Amino acid sequence: MKGVLVGVALLVGLAAGCGSGSGGGDRTTTSSRDKAILVQLQEQNFSGEAGTATLTPQGSKTRVVIEMASYAANPQPAHIHEGTCAHLSFAPAFPLEDVKVGRSTTVVNVSLETLLKAKYAINVHRSAKKMKVYVACGDISRNAAPTPTVTTSEGD
């Protein structure tokens, strides 16, 4: 029995040590990847747009990568707001790079732990001219399960 436990422990140790060595200059360690948070960005306002945001700690800052599975052809502003998708604060807490061709990468000046201690959400707007129309939103939390959001036709 002792041999089986040692074998299982060895397999678990090997599996934990197997990172995806991309070799493409990615110097992120396996342990910091494990701390990344995945936020599901769910469609709002019948936009047909959805995707994910990956938040990765970088010391006192956080790297936010938005990847939309479906998106508009035009650049779309994105922000981190205080609150939840159901009740967002109007003013953005942290601006993010516009989503262009379905992708945005930004390093924000706030730690991931700070974002997780309060209620924050990431939202994507239809365009710079239609900022009041949200096309996708996701609540930032340790829970990877998507939070249901309300879809309305308001603001079109």
N, C-alpha and C. Protein backbone atom coordinates (compact mmCIF):
# COMPACT_ATOMS: atom_id res chain seq x y z
N MET A 1 0.83 -1.20 0.00
CA MET A 1 0.00 0.00 0.00
C MET A 1 0.86 1.25 0.00
N LYS A 2 1.98 1.19 0.75
CA LYS A 2 2.87 2.34 0.82
C LYS A 2 3.43 2.66 -0.57
N GLY A 3 3.74 1.62 -1.35
CA GLY A 3 4.27 1.82 -2.70
C GLY A 3 3.25 2.50 -3.61
N VAL A 4 1.97 2.19 -3.45
CA VAL A 4 0.92 2.81 -4.25
C VAL A 4 0.84 4.30 -3.91
N LEU A 5 0.87 4.63 -2.62
CA LEU A 5 0.80 6.03 -2.21
C LEU A 5 1.99 6.82 -2.72
N VAL A 6 3.18 6.23 -2.68
CA VAL A 6 4.37 6.91 -3.20
C VAL A 6 4.22 7.13 -4.70
N GLY A 7 3.69 6.14 -5.41
CA GLY A 7 3.49 6.26 -6.86
C GLY A 7 2.50 7.36 -7.19
N VAL A 8 1.39 7.41 -6.44
CA VAL A 8 0.39 8.46 -6.66
C VAL A 8 0.99 9.83 -6.37
N ALA A 9 1.75 9.94 -5.28
CA ALA A 9 2.38 11.22 -4.95
C ALA A 9 3.36 11.64 -6.03
N LEU A 10 4.09 10.69 -6.60
CA LEU A 10 5.04 10.99 -7.66
C LEU A 10 4.31 11.49 -8.91
N LEU A 11 3.20 10.83 -9.27
CA LEU A 11 2.42 11.26 -10.43
C LEU A 11 1.83 12.65 -10.24
N VAL A 12 1.32 12.93 -9.05
CA VAL A 12 0.77 14.25 -8.76
C VAL A 12 1.86 15.30 -8.85
N GLY A 13 3.04 14.99 -8.31
CA GLY A 13 4.16 15.92 -8.37
C GLY A 13 4.59 16.18 -9.80
N LEU A 14 4.64 15.14 -10.63
CA LEU A 14 5.02 15.31 -12.03
C LEU A 14 3.98 16.15 -12.77
N ALA A 15 2.71 15.87 -12.52
CA ALA A 15 1.65 16.62 -13.19
C ALA A 15 1.69 18.09 -12.80
N ALA A 16 1.95 18.37 -11.54
CA ALA A 16 2.02 19.76 -11.08
C ALA A 16 3.21 20.49 -11.68
N GLY A 17 4.27 19.78 -11.97
CA GLY A 17 5.46 20.41 -12.51
C GLY A 17 5.44 20.55 -14.01
N CYS A 18 4.43 20.03 -14.67
CA CYS A 18 4.37 20.10 -16.13
C CYS A 18 3.66 21.37 -16.55
N GLY A 19 4.42 22.39 -16.88
CA GLY A 19 3.83 23.62 -17.41
C GLY A 19 3.90 23.54 -18.92
N SER A 20 3.18 24.40 -19.59
CA SER A 20 3.26 24.40 -21.04
C SER A 20 4.42 25.29 -21.43
N GLY A 21 5.54 24.71 -21.70
CA GLY A 21 6.72 25.47 -22.07
C GLY A 21 6.59 25.96 -23.49
N SER A 22 5.99 27.14 -23.66
CA SER A 22 5.70 27.65 -25.00
C SER A 22 6.95 28.05 -25.74
N GLY A 23 7.99 28.43 -25.04
CA GLY A 23 9.22 28.80 -25.70
C GLY A 23 9.10 30.09 -26.48
N GLY A 24 7.95 30.72 -26.50
CA GLY A 24 7.73 31.94 -27.26
C GLY A 24 8.02 33.18 -26.46
N GLY A 25 8.95 33.12 -25.52
CA GLY A 25 9.29 34.29 -24.73
C GLY A 25 8.38 34.47 -23.54
N ASP A 26 7.46 33.57 -23.30
CA ASP A 26 6.55 33.65 -22.17
C ASP A 26 7.31 33.22 -20.92
N ARG A 27 7.58 34.16 -20.05
CA ARG A 27 8.37 33.86 -18.85
C ARG A 27 7.49 33.70 -17.61
N THR A 28 6.19 33.61 -17.79
CA THR A 28 5.28 33.42 -16.67
C THR A 28 5.48 32.02 -16.11
N THR A 29 5.63 31.92 -14.81
CA THR A 29 5.86 30.62 -14.20
C THR A 29 4.54 29.88 -14.02
N THR A 30 4.64 28.58 -13.84
CA THR A 30 3.44 27.78 -13.63
C THR A 30 2.68 28.27 -12.40
N SER A 31 3.39 28.64 -11.33
CA SER A 31 2.69 29.05 -10.11
C SER A 31 1.90 30.33 -10.33
N SER A 32 2.41 31.30 -11.10
CA SER A 32 1.63 32.52 -11.32
C SER A 32 0.47 32.27 -12.29
N ARG A 33 0.63 31.32 -13.22
CA ARG A 33 -0.49 30.96 -14.09
C ARG A 33 -1.62 30.34 -13.28
N ASP A 34 -1.24 29.58 -12.26
CA ASP A 34 -2.25 28.95 -11.43
C ASP A 34 -3.08 29.99 -10.69
N LYS A 35 -2.53 31.17 -10.48
CA LYS A 35 -3.23 32.22 -9.76
C LYS A 35 -4.10 33.07 -10.67
N ALA A 36 -4.02 32.87 -11.96
CA ALA A 36 -4.82 33.65 -12.90
C ALA A 36 -6.31 33.36 -12.70
N ILE A 37 -7.12 34.36 -12.96
CA ILE A 37 -8.57 34.25 -12.81
C ILE A 37 -9.19 34.38 -14.20
N LEU A 38 -10.10 33.49 -14.53
CA LEU A 38 -10.81 33.54 -15.80
C LEU A 38 -12.20 34.11 -15.55
N VAL A 39 -12.53 35.16 -16.28
CA VAL A 39 -13.84 35.80 -16.17
C VAL A 39 -14.61 35.55 -17.46
N GLN A 40 -15.80 35.01 -17.35
CA GLN A 40 -16.65 34.78 -18.52
C GLN A 40 -17.34 36.10 -18.86
N LEU A 41 -17.14 36.58 -20.07
CA LEU A 41 -17.83 37.79 -20.53
C LEU A 41 -19.06 37.36 -21.31
N GLN A 42 -20.21 37.61 -20.72
CA GLN A 42 -21.45 37.15 -21.31
C GLN A 42 -22.13 38.25 -22.11
N GLU A 43 -22.83 37.82 -23.13
CA GLU A 43 -23.57 38.73 -24.02
C GLU A 43 -24.54 39.60 -23.24
N GLN A 44 -24.63 40.85 -23.68
CA GLN A 44 -25.64 41.76 -23.16
C GLN A 44 -26.29 42.50 -24.33
N ASN A 45 -27.50 42.94 -24.13
CA ASN A 45 -28.23 43.73 -25.12
C ASN A 45 -28.30 43.07 -26.50
N PHE A 46 -28.47 41.77 -26.50
CA PHE A 46 -28.62 40.99 -27.74
C PHE A 46 -27.49 41.25 -28.74
N SER A 47 -26.29 41.47 -28.21
CA SER A 47 -25.15 41.82 -29.06
C SER A 47 -24.60 40.65 -29.85
N GLY A 48 -24.78 39.44 -29.35
CA GLY A 48 -24.16 38.28 -29.97
C GLY A 48 -22.67 38.19 -29.67
N GLU A 49 -22.19 39.04 -28.75
CA GLU A 49 -20.77 39.08 -28.41
C GLU A 49 -20.53 38.45 -27.04
N ALA A 50 -19.52 37.59 -26.97
CA ALA A 50 -19.16 36.94 -25.72
C ALA A 50 -17.69 36.56 -25.78
N GLY A 51 -17.11 36.30 -24.62
CA GLY A 51 -15.71 35.91 -24.59
C GLY A 51 -15.23 35.69 -23.17
N THR A 52 -13.93 35.89 -22.98
CA THR A 52 -13.33 35.71 -21.66
C THR A 52 -12.34 36.84 -21.39
N ALA A 53 -12.07 37.03 -20.13
CA ALA A 53 -10.98 37.92 -19.70
C ALA A 53 -10.13 37.11 -18.73
N THR A 54 -8.84 37.10 -18.96
CA THR A 54 -7.92 36.41 -18.07
C THR A 54 -7.16 37.46 -17.28
N LEU A 55 -7.26 37.40 -15.97
CA LEU A 55 -6.58 38.34 -15.09
C LEU A 55 -5.42 37.62 -14.43
N THR A 56 -4.21 38.13 -14.65
CA THR A 56 -3.01 37.49 -14.12
C THR A 56 -2.28 38.47 -13.22
N PRO A 57 -1.96 38.06 -11.98
CA PRO A 57 -1.25 38.97 -11.09
C PRO A 57 0.16 39.25 -11.58
N GLN A 58 0.57 40.51 -11.45
CA GLN A 58 1.93 40.93 -11.76
C GLN A 58 2.38 41.86 -10.65
N GLY A 59 2.61 41.28 -9.48
CA GLY A 59 2.98 42.08 -8.31
C GLY A 59 1.82 42.95 -7.88
N SER A 60 2.04 44.27 -7.86
CA SER A 60 0.99 45.20 -7.45
C SER A 60 0.09 45.58 -8.61
N LYS A 61 0.29 44.97 -9.77
CA LYS A 61 -0.52 45.24 -10.96
C LYS A 61 -1.20 43.96 -11.43
N THR A 62 -2.09 44.10 -12.41
CA THR A 62 -2.81 42.95 -12.96
C THR A 62 -2.83 43.06 -14.48
N ARG A 63 -2.48 41.98 -15.14
CA ARG A 63 -2.56 41.91 -16.60
C ARG A 63 -3.95 41.38 -16.95
N VAL A 64 -4.66 42.12 -17.82
CA VAL A 64 -6.01 41.75 -18.23
C VAL A 64 -5.99 41.49 -19.74
N VAL A 65 -6.31 40.26 -20.12
CA VAL A 65 -6.37 39.90 -21.54
C VAL A 65 -7.80 39.52 -21.87
N ILE A 66 -8.42 40.30 -22.74
CA ILE A 66 -9.79 40.02 -23.19
C ILE A 66 -9.69 39.33 -24.54
N GLU A 67 -10.42 38.23 -24.67
CA GLU A 67 -10.51 37.50 -25.94
C GLU A 67 -11.97 37.22 -26.21
N MET A 68 -12.49 37.87 -27.23
CA MET A 68 -13.89 37.73 -27.59
C MET A 68 -14.04 36.66 -28.66
N ALA A 69 -14.96 35.73 -28.45
CA ALA A 69 -15.23 34.68 -29.43
C ALA A 69 -16.02 35.27 -30.60
N SER A 70 -16.83 36.26 -30.31
CA SER A 70 -17.58 36.98 -31.34
C SER A 70 -17.45 38.45 -31.00
N TYR A 71 -17.30 39.30 -32.02
CA TYR A 71 -17.03 40.70 -31.75
C TYR A 71 -17.40 41.56 -32.96
N ALA A 72 -17.44 42.87 -32.74
CA ALA A 72 -17.74 43.83 -33.79
C ALA A 72 -16.48 44.15 -34.58
N ALA A 73 -16.65 44.70 -35.76
CA ALA A 73 -15.51 45.06 -36.61
C ALA A 73 -14.80 46.31 -36.10
N ASN A 74 -15.52 47.18 -35.39
CA ASN A 74 -14.94 48.43 -34.89
C ASN A 74 -14.27 48.22 -33.53
N PRO A 75 -13.34 49.11 -33.16
CA PRO A 75 -12.76 49.05 -31.81
C PRO A 75 -13.85 49.28 -30.77
N GLN A 76 -13.75 48.54 -29.66
CA GLN A 76 -14.77 48.64 -28.61
C GLN A 76 -14.11 48.94 -27.28
N PRO A 77 -14.49 50.06 -26.65
CA PRO A 77 -13.95 50.38 -25.34
C PRO A 77 -14.30 49.31 -24.31
N ALA A 78 -13.40 49.11 -23.34
CA ALA A 78 -13.62 48.14 -22.27
C ALA A 78 -13.09 48.75 -20.97
N HIS A 79 -13.69 48.38 -19.87
CA HIS A 79 -13.31 48.92 -18.56
C HIS A 79 -13.54 47.90 -17.46
N ILE A 80 -12.89 48.16 -16.33
CA ILE A 80 -13.23 47.49 -15.08
C ILE A 80 -14.03 48.52 -14.28
N HIS A 81 -15.22 48.12 -13.87
CA HIS A 81 -16.10 48.99 -13.07
C HIS A 81 -16.27 48.40 -11.68
N GLU A 82 -16.54 49.26 -10.70
CA GLU A 82 -16.96 48.77 -9.39
C GLU A 82 -18.37 48.26 -9.54
N GLY A 83 -18.69 47.23 -8.76
CA GLY A 83 -20.02 46.65 -8.79
C GLY A 83 -20.04 45.32 -9.52
N THR A 84 -21.23 44.90 -9.88
CA THR A 84 -21.42 43.65 -10.62
C THR A 84 -22.09 43.98 -11.95
N CYS A 85 -22.16 43.00 -12.83
CA CYS A 85 -22.81 43.23 -14.12
C CYS A 85 -24.26 43.65 -13.93
N ALA A 86 -24.89 43.17 -12.89
CA ALA A 86 -26.28 43.53 -12.63
C ALA A 86 -26.40 44.96 -12.09
N HIS A 87 -25.34 45.46 -11.43
CA HIS A 87 -25.36 46.81 -10.83
C HIS A 87 -23.99 47.45 -10.94
N LEU A 88 -23.64 47.92 -12.14
CA LEU A 88 -22.34 48.55 -12.36
C LEU A 88 -22.34 50.01 -11.95
N SER A 89 -21.23 50.44 -11.37
CA SER A 89 -21.02 51.86 -11.16
C SER A 89 -20.84 52.51 -12.53
N PHE A 90 -21.37 53.69 -12.72
CA PHE A 90 -21.31 54.33 -14.03
C PHE A 90 -19.87 54.65 -14.44
N ALA A 91 -19.09 55.21 -13.52
CA ALA A 91 -17.72 55.62 -13.85
C ALA A 91 -16.78 54.42 -13.81
N PRO A 92 -15.95 54.26 -14.84
CA PRO A 92 -14.98 53.15 -14.83
C PRO A 92 -13.95 53.32 -13.71
N ALA A 93 -13.59 52.22 -13.08
CA ALA A 93 -12.55 52.24 -12.07
C ALA A 93 -11.17 52.15 -12.73
N PHE A 94 -11.07 51.35 -13.78
CA PHE A 94 -9.80 51.15 -14.49
C PHE A 94 -10.09 50.99 -15.98
N PRO A 95 -9.56 51.89 -16.80
CA PRO A 95 -9.75 51.74 -18.25
C PRO A 95 -8.90 50.60 -18.79
N LEU A 96 -9.41 49.94 -19.81
CA LEU A 96 -8.68 48.88 -20.49
C LEU A 96 -8.48 49.29 -21.94
N GLU A 97 -7.49 48.71 -22.59
CA GLU A 97 -7.28 48.97 -24.01
C GLU A 97 -8.54 48.55 -24.78
N ASP A 98 -8.86 49.29 -25.83
CA ASP A 98 -10.00 48.93 -26.66
C ASP A 98 -9.85 47.51 -27.18
N VAL A 99 -10.98 46.83 -27.31
CA VAL A 99 -11.00 45.50 -27.92
C VAL A 99 -10.96 45.72 -29.43
N LYS A 100 -9.91 45.22 -30.06
CA LYS A 100 -9.74 45.34 -31.51
C LYS A 100 -9.57 43.96 -32.09
N VAL A 101 -10.36 43.64 -33.07
CA VAL A 101 -10.37 42.32 -33.71
C VAL A 101 -10.48 41.24 -32.62
N GLY A 102 -11.32 41.53 -31.62
CA GLY A 102 -11.63 40.55 -30.59
C GLY A 102 -10.62 40.41 -29.46
N ARG A 103 -9.62 41.30 -29.38
CA ARG A 103 -8.59 41.12 -28.35
C ARG A 103 -8.15 42.46 -27.75
N SER A 104 -7.83 42.41 -26.46
CA SER A 104 -7.33 43.57 -25.74
C SER A 104 -6.39 43.08 -24.65
N THR A 105 -5.25 43.75 -24.49
CA THR A 105 -4.32 43.43 -23.41
C THR A 105 -3.94 44.72 -22.70
N THR A 106 -4.11 44.73 -21.37
CA THR A 106 -3.83 45.90 -20.56
C THR A 106 -3.22 45.47 -19.24
N VAL A 107 -2.26 46.23 -18.74
CA VAL A 107 -1.78 46.04 -17.37
C VAL A 107 -2.33 47.21 -16.56
N VAL A 108 -3.18 46.89 -15.58
CA VAL A 108 -3.81 47.93 -14.76
C VAL A 108 -3.06 48.07 -13.44
N ASN A 109 -3.12 49.27 -12.91
CA ASN A 109 -2.37 49.61 -11.71
C ASN A 109 -3.16 49.27 -10.44
N VAL A 110 -3.49 47.99 -10.31
CA VAL A 110 -4.18 47.49 -9.12
C VAL A 110 -3.87 45.99 -9.03
N SER A 111 -3.70 45.50 -7.82
CA SER A 111 -3.40 44.07 -7.67
C SER A 111 -4.65 43.24 -7.88
N LEU A 112 -4.44 42.00 -8.29
CA LEU A 112 -5.56 41.08 -8.47
C LEU A 112 -6.25 40.84 -7.13
N GLU A 113 -5.47 40.75 -6.07
CA GLU A 113 -6.07 40.55 -4.74
C GLU A 113 -7.02 41.68 -4.37
N THR A 114 -6.66 42.91 -4.72
CA THR A 114 -7.54 44.05 -4.44
C THR A 114 -8.83 43.93 -5.24
N LEU A 115 -8.71 43.53 -6.51
CA LEU A 115 -9.91 43.35 -7.34
C LEU A 115 -10.82 42.25 -6.79
N LEU A 116 -10.21 41.22 -6.20
CA LEU A 116 -10.99 40.10 -5.69
C LEU A 116 -11.62 40.38 -4.32
N LYS A 117 -11.09 41.37 -3.60
CA LYS A 117 -11.61 41.67 -2.26
C LYS A 117 -12.91 42.47 -2.30
N ALA A 118 -13.17 43.15 -3.41
CA ALA A 118 -14.39 43.95 -3.55
C ALA A 118 -15.16 43.43 -4.77
N LYS A 119 -16.23 44.10 -5.09
CA LYS A 119 -17.02 43.70 -6.27
C LYS A 119 -16.61 44.56 -7.45
N TYR A 120 -16.08 43.89 -8.49
CA TYR A 120 -15.71 44.55 -9.74
C TYR A 120 -16.20 43.70 -10.90
N ALA A 121 -16.40 44.35 -12.03
CA ALA A 121 -16.82 43.65 -13.24
C ALA A 121 -16.10 44.27 -14.44
N ILE A 122 -15.94 43.47 -15.49
CA ILE A 122 -15.36 43.94 -16.74
C ILE A 122 -16.50 44.05 -17.75
N ASN A 123 -16.56 45.20 -18.44
CA ASN A 123 -17.57 45.32 -19.47
C ASN A 123 -16.96 45.84 -20.76
N VAL A 124 -17.62 45.50 -21.86
CA VAL A 124 -17.23 45.92 -23.19
C VAL A 124 -18.39 46.71 -23.77
N HIS A 125 -18.07 47.87 -24.36
CA HIS A 125 -19.08 48.75 -24.94
C HIS A 125 -19.23 48.50 -26.44
N ARG A 126 -20.36 48.90 -26.99
CA ARG A 126 -20.60 48.72 -28.43
C ARG A 126 -19.57 49.49 -29.25
N SER A 127 -19.32 50.77 -28.91
CA SER A 127 -18.36 51.59 -29.64
C SER A 127 -18.09 52.84 -28.82
N ALA A 128 -17.13 53.64 -29.26
CA ALA A 128 -16.83 54.90 -28.57
C ALA A 128 -18.02 55.86 -28.65
N LYS A 129 -18.81 55.76 -29.71
CA LYS A 129 -19.99 56.62 -29.88
C LYS A 129 -21.19 56.10 -29.11
N LYS A 130 -21.22 54.81 -28.81
CA LYS A 130 -22.35 54.20 -28.09
C LYS A 130 -21.86 53.59 -26.78
N MET A 131 -21.28 54.43 -25.93
CA MET A 131 -20.71 53.98 -24.66
C MET A 131 -21.77 53.45 -23.69
N LYS A 132 -23.00 53.92 -23.81
CA LYS A 132 -24.05 53.48 -22.88
C LYS A 132 -24.54 52.08 -23.19
N VAL A 133 -24.16 51.53 -24.34
CA VAL A 133 -24.61 50.20 -24.72
C VAL A 133 -23.52 49.18 -24.41
N TYR A 134 -23.79 48.33 -23.43
CA TYR A 134 -22.85 47.28 -23.06
C TYR A 134 -23.14 46.05 -23.91
N VAL A 135 -22.08 45.46 -24.48
CA VAL A 135 -22.27 44.28 -25.32
C VAL A 135 -21.85 42.99 -24.62
N ALA A 136 -20.99 43.11 -23.60
CA ALA A 136 -20.57 41.92 -22.83
C ALA A 136 -20.11 42.37 -21.46
N CYS A 137 -20.29 41.50 -20.49
CA CYS A 137 -19.90 41.83 -19.12
C CYS A 137 -19.62 40.55 -18.35
N GLY A 138 -18.70 40.65 -17.37
CA GLY A 138 -18.40 39.51 -16.50
C GLY A 138 -17.95 39.99 -15.14
N ASP A 139 -18.44 39.35 -14.09
CA ASP A 139 -18.06 39.68 -12.73
C ASP A 139 -16.71 39.06 -12.40
N ILE A 140 -15.84 39.83 -11.76
CA ILE A 140 -14.52 39.34 -11.36
C ILE A 140 -14.67 38.64 -10.01
N SER A 141 -14.35 37.36 -9.97
CA SER A 141 -14.39 36.60 -8.72
C SER A 141 -13.55 35.35 -8.85
N ARG A 142 -13.26 34.73 -7.72
CA ARG A 142 -12.50 33.47 -7.73
C ARG A 142 -13.32 32.34 -8.32
N ASN A 143 -14.64 32.49 -8.30
CA ASN A 143 -15.54 31.47 -8.83
C ASN A 143 -15.55 31.56 -10.35
N ALA A 144 -15.10 30.52 -11.02
CA ALA A 144 -15.00 30.53 -12.47
C ALA A 144 -16.35 30.39 -13.17
N ALA A 145 -17.39 30.00 -12.44
CA ALA A 145 -18.70 29.81 -13.05
C ALA A 145 -19.26 31.16 -13.47
N PRO A 146 -19.78 31.27 -14.69
CA PRO A 146 -20.32 32.55 -15.14
C PRO A 146 -21.54 32.96 -14.34
N THR A 147 -21.64 34.25 -14.07
CA THR A 147 -22.78 34.80 -13.36
C THR A 147 -23.84 35.18 -14.39
N PRO A 148 -25.08 34.74 -14.20
CA PRO A 148 -26.13 35.11 -15.15
C PRO A 148 -26.26 36.63 -15.22
N THR A 149 -26.44 37.15 -16.42
CA THR A 149 -26.63 38.58 -16.59
C THR A 149 -27.95 38.83 -17.28
N VAL A 150 -28.46 40.02 -17.12
CA VAL A 150 -29.74 40.39 -17.69
C VAL A 150 -29.49 40.97 -19.08
N THR A 151 -30.22 40.48 -20.07
CA THR A 151 -30.13 41.00 -21.43
C THR A 151 -31.36 41.83 -21.71
N THR A 152 -31.13 43.07 -22.12
CA THR A 152 -32.24 43.97 -22.44
C THR A 152 -32.02 44.54 -23.83
N SER A 153 -33.03 45.18 -24.36
CA SER A 153 -32.88 45.82 -25.66
C SER A 153 -32.73 47.32 -25.51
N GLU A 154 -32.60 47.80 -24.26
CA GLU A 154 -32.46 49.21 -23.98
C GLU A 154 -31.18 49.79 -24.56
N GLY A 155 -31.21 51.01 -25.02
CA GLY A 155 -30.00 51.72 -25.43
C GLY A 155 -29.61 51.55 -26.88
N ASP A 156 -30.34 50.76 -27.68
CA ASP A 156 -29.97 50.61 -29.08
C ASP A 156 -30.36 51.81 -29.90
